[in-house]
Amino acid sequence: MVTQQNTNNEEWQFDVTITSDSTTHHTVTLNKKYWSKLTNKTTPPEELIRLSFKFLLAREANESILRKFDLKVIQTYFPEYENEIKSN
């Protein structure tokens, strides 16, 4: 479940709950410029968060995902992230 919490001129903040073998809660920040770069403003921010978690969950358990992070950090751990997200 993805819920938008806060927003300002530069970024959004989301709470994400993943229920699998166990339930985890995550706080994710999404910079508006980064969102524009990845989606060309054609994918809603909430959907980008969902797609990003789908990407992460295909590679690691929900317990391994950072509890608080900026979406941009995914690229640091998974260099293929941006290309895969842009192709969706």
C-alpha atoms as a PDB file:
ATOM      1  CA  MET A   1       0.000   0.000   0.000  1.00  0.00           C
ATOM      2  CA  VAL A   2       1.334   3.435  -0.966  1.00  0.00           C
ATOM      3  CA  THR A   3       0.098   6.540   0.850  1.00  0.00           C
ATOM      4  CA  GLN A   4       1.279  10.056   0.120  1.00  0.00           C
ATOM      5  CA  GLN A   5       2.142  11.845   3.353  1.00  0.00           C
ATOM      6  CA  ASN A   6       3.847  15.167   2.765  1.00  0.00           C
ATOM      7  CA  THR A   7       4.689  17.325  -0.174  1.00  0.00           C
ATOM      8  CA  ASN A   8       6.564  20.535  -0.756  1.00  0.00           C
ATOM      9  CA  ASN A   9       7.860  22.402  -3.795  1.00  0.00           C
ATOM     10  CA  GLU A  10      10.707  19.947  -4.315  1.00  0.00           C
ATOM     11  CA  GLU A  11       9.538  16.511  -3.201  1.00  0.00           C
ATOM     12  CA  TRP A  12       6.839  14.113  -2.065  1.00  0.00           C
ATOM     13  CA  GLN A  13       6.992  11.731   0.859  1.00  0.00           C
ATOM     14  CA  PHE A  14       5.221   8.378   0.876  1.00  0.00           C
ATOM     15  CA  ASP A  15       4.540   5.680   3.415  1.00  0.00           C
ATOM     16  CA  VAL A  16       4.722   2.215   1.915  1.00  0.00           C
ATOM     17  CA  THR A  17       3.511  -0.961   3.592  1.00  0.00           C
ATOM     18  CA  ILE A  18       4.590  -4.303   2.173  1.00  0.00           C
ATOM     19  CA  THR A  19       2.892  -7.471   3.334  1.00  0.00           C
ATOM     20  CA  SER A  20       4.664 -10.685   2.424  1.00  0.00           C
ATOM     21  CA  ASP A  21       5.923 -13.306   4.891  1.00  0.00           C
ATOM     22  CA  SER A  22       6.151 -10.344   7.230  1.00  0.00           C
ATOM     23  CA  THR A  23       4.870  -6.774   7.106  1.00  0.00           C
ATOM     24  CA  THR A  24       7.320  -3.910   6.708  1.00  0.00           C
ATOM     25  CA  HIS A  25       6.820  -0.145   6.633  1.00  0.00           C
ATOM     26  CA  HIS A  26       8.934   2.230   4.565  1.00  0.00           C
ATOM     27  CA  THR A  27       9.169   5.996   4.207  1.00  0.00           C
ATOM     28  CA  VAL A  28      10.208   7.068   0.721  1.00  0.00           C
ATOM     29  CA  THR A  29      11.064  10.517  -0.548  1.00  0.00           C
ATOM     30  CA  LEU A  30      10.651  11.322  -4.243  1.00  0.00           C
ATOM     31  CA  ASN A  31      12.235  14.439  -5.666  1.00  0.00           C
ATOM     32  CA  LYS A  32       9.949  16.043  -8.257  1.00  0.00           C
ATOM     33  CA  LYS A  33      12.806  16.598 -10.738  1.00  0.00           C
ATOM     34  CA  TYR A  34      13.839  12.950 -10.425  1.00  0.00           C
ATOM     35  CA  TRP A  35      10.217  11.877 -10.990  1.00  0.00           C
ATOM     36  CA  SER A  36      10.112  14.011 -14.129  1.00  0.00           C
ATOM     37  CA  LYS A  37      13.404  12.524 -15.356  1.00  0.00           C
ATOM     38  CA  LEU A  38      12.207   8.939 -14.867  1.00  0.00           C
ATOM     39  CA  THR A  39       8.633   9.292 -16.090  1.00  0.00           C
ATOM     40  CA  ASN A  40       8.536  12.344 -18.338  1.00  0.00           C
ATOM     41  CA  LYS A  41       5.594  13.313 -16.102  1.00  0.00           C
ATOM     42  CA  THR A  42       3.466  10.557 -17.640  1.00  0.00           C
ATOM     43  CA  THR A  43       3.321   8.224 -14.622  1.00  0.00           C
ATOM     44  CA  PRO A  44       1.746   9.438 -11.382  1.00  0.00           C
ATOM     45  CA  PRO A  45       4.192   9.620  -8.458  1.00  0.00           C
ATOM     46  CA  GLU A  46       2.309   6.938  -6.505  1.00  0.00           C
ATOM     47  CA  GLU A  47       2.578   4.573  -9.455  1.00  0.00           C
ATOM     48  CA  LEU A  48       6.323   5.212  -9.744  1.00  0.00           C
ATOM     49  CA  ILE A  49       6.657   4.248  -6.080  1.00  0.00           C
ATOM     50  CA  ARG A  50       4.657   1.044  -6.707  1.00  0.00           C
ATOM     51  CA  LEU A  51       6.763   0.164  -9.751  1.00  0.00           C
ATOM     52  CA  SER A  52       9.935   0.845  -7.797  1.00  0.00           C
ATOM     53  CA  PHE A  53       8.890  -1.484  -4.989  1.00  0.00           C
ATOM     54  CA  LYS A  54       7.926  -4.131  -7.526  1.00  0.00           C
ATOM     55  CA  PHE A  55      11.430  -3.755  -8.962  1.00  0.00           C
ATOM     56  CA  LEU A  56      12.994  -4.052  -5.494  1.00  0.00           C
ATOM     57  CA  LEU A  57      10.885  -7.017  -4.430  1.00  0.00           C
ATOM     58  CA  ALA A  58      11.970  -8.919  -7.534  1.00  0.00           C
ATOM     59  CA  ARG A  59      15.533  -8.630  -6.221  1.00  0.00           C
ATOM     60  CA  GLU A  60      15.273  -8.805  -2.435  1.00  0.00           C
ATOM     61  CA  ALA A  61      12.933  -9.599   0.435  1.00  0.00           C
ATOM     62  CA  ASN A  62      10.854  -6.779   1.877  1.00  0.00           C
ATOM     63  CA  GLU A  63      12.813  -7.134   5.139  1.00  0.00           C
ATOM     64  CA  SER A  64      16.004  -6.177   3.228  1.00  0.00           C
ATOM     65  CA  ILE A  65      14.613  -2.946   1.781  1.00  0.00           C
ATOM     66  CA  LEU A  66      15.716   0.193   3.607  1.00  0.00           C
ATOM     67  CA  ARG A  67      13.075   1.527   5.982  1.00  0.00           C
ATOM     68  CA  LYS A  68      13.680   5.144   4.998  1.00  0.00           C
ATOM     69  CA  PHE A  69      15.246   6.311   1.750  1.00  0.00           C
ATOM     70  CA  ASP A  70      15.114   8.649  -1.209  1.00  0.00           C
ATOM     71  CA  LEU A  71      14.010   6.872  -4.382  1.00  0.00           C
ATOM     72  CA  LYS A  72      17.177   8.004  -6.159  1.00  0.00           C
ATOM     73  CA  VAL A  73      19.272   5.715  -3.915  1.00  0.00           C
ATOM     74  CA  ILE A  74      17.921   2.598  -5.671  1.00  0.00           C
ATOM     75  CA  GLN A  75      20.187   3.393  -8.636  1.00  0.00           C
ATOM     76  CA  THR A  76      23.192   3.142  -6.302  1.00  0.00           C
ATOM     77  CA  TYR A  77      22.381  -0.466  -5.404  1.00  0.00           C
ATOM     78  CA  PHE A  78      20.859  -1.543  -8.722  1.00  0.00           C
ATOM     79  CA  PRO A  79      22.416   0.254 -11.728  1.00  0.00           C
ATOM     80  CA  GLU A  80      19.729  -1.139 -14.050  1.00  0.00           C
ATOM     81  CA  TYR A  81      16.933   0.552 -12.083  1.00  0.00           C
ATOM     82  CA  GLU A  82      16.499   3.752 -14.103  1.00  0.00           C
ATOM     83  CA  ASN A  83      16.549   1.985 -17.470  1.00  0.00           C
ATOM     84  CA  GLU A  84      13.991  -0.594 -16.340  1.00  0.00           C
ATOM     85  CA  ILE A  85      11.689   2.027 -14.814  1.00  0.00           C
ATOM     86  CA  LYS A  86      11.891   4.242 -17.908  1.00  0.00           C
ATOM     87  CA  SER A  87      10.898   1.289 -20.087  1.00  0.00           C
ATOM     88  CA  ASN A  88       7.647   0.726 -18.134  1.00  0.00           C
END
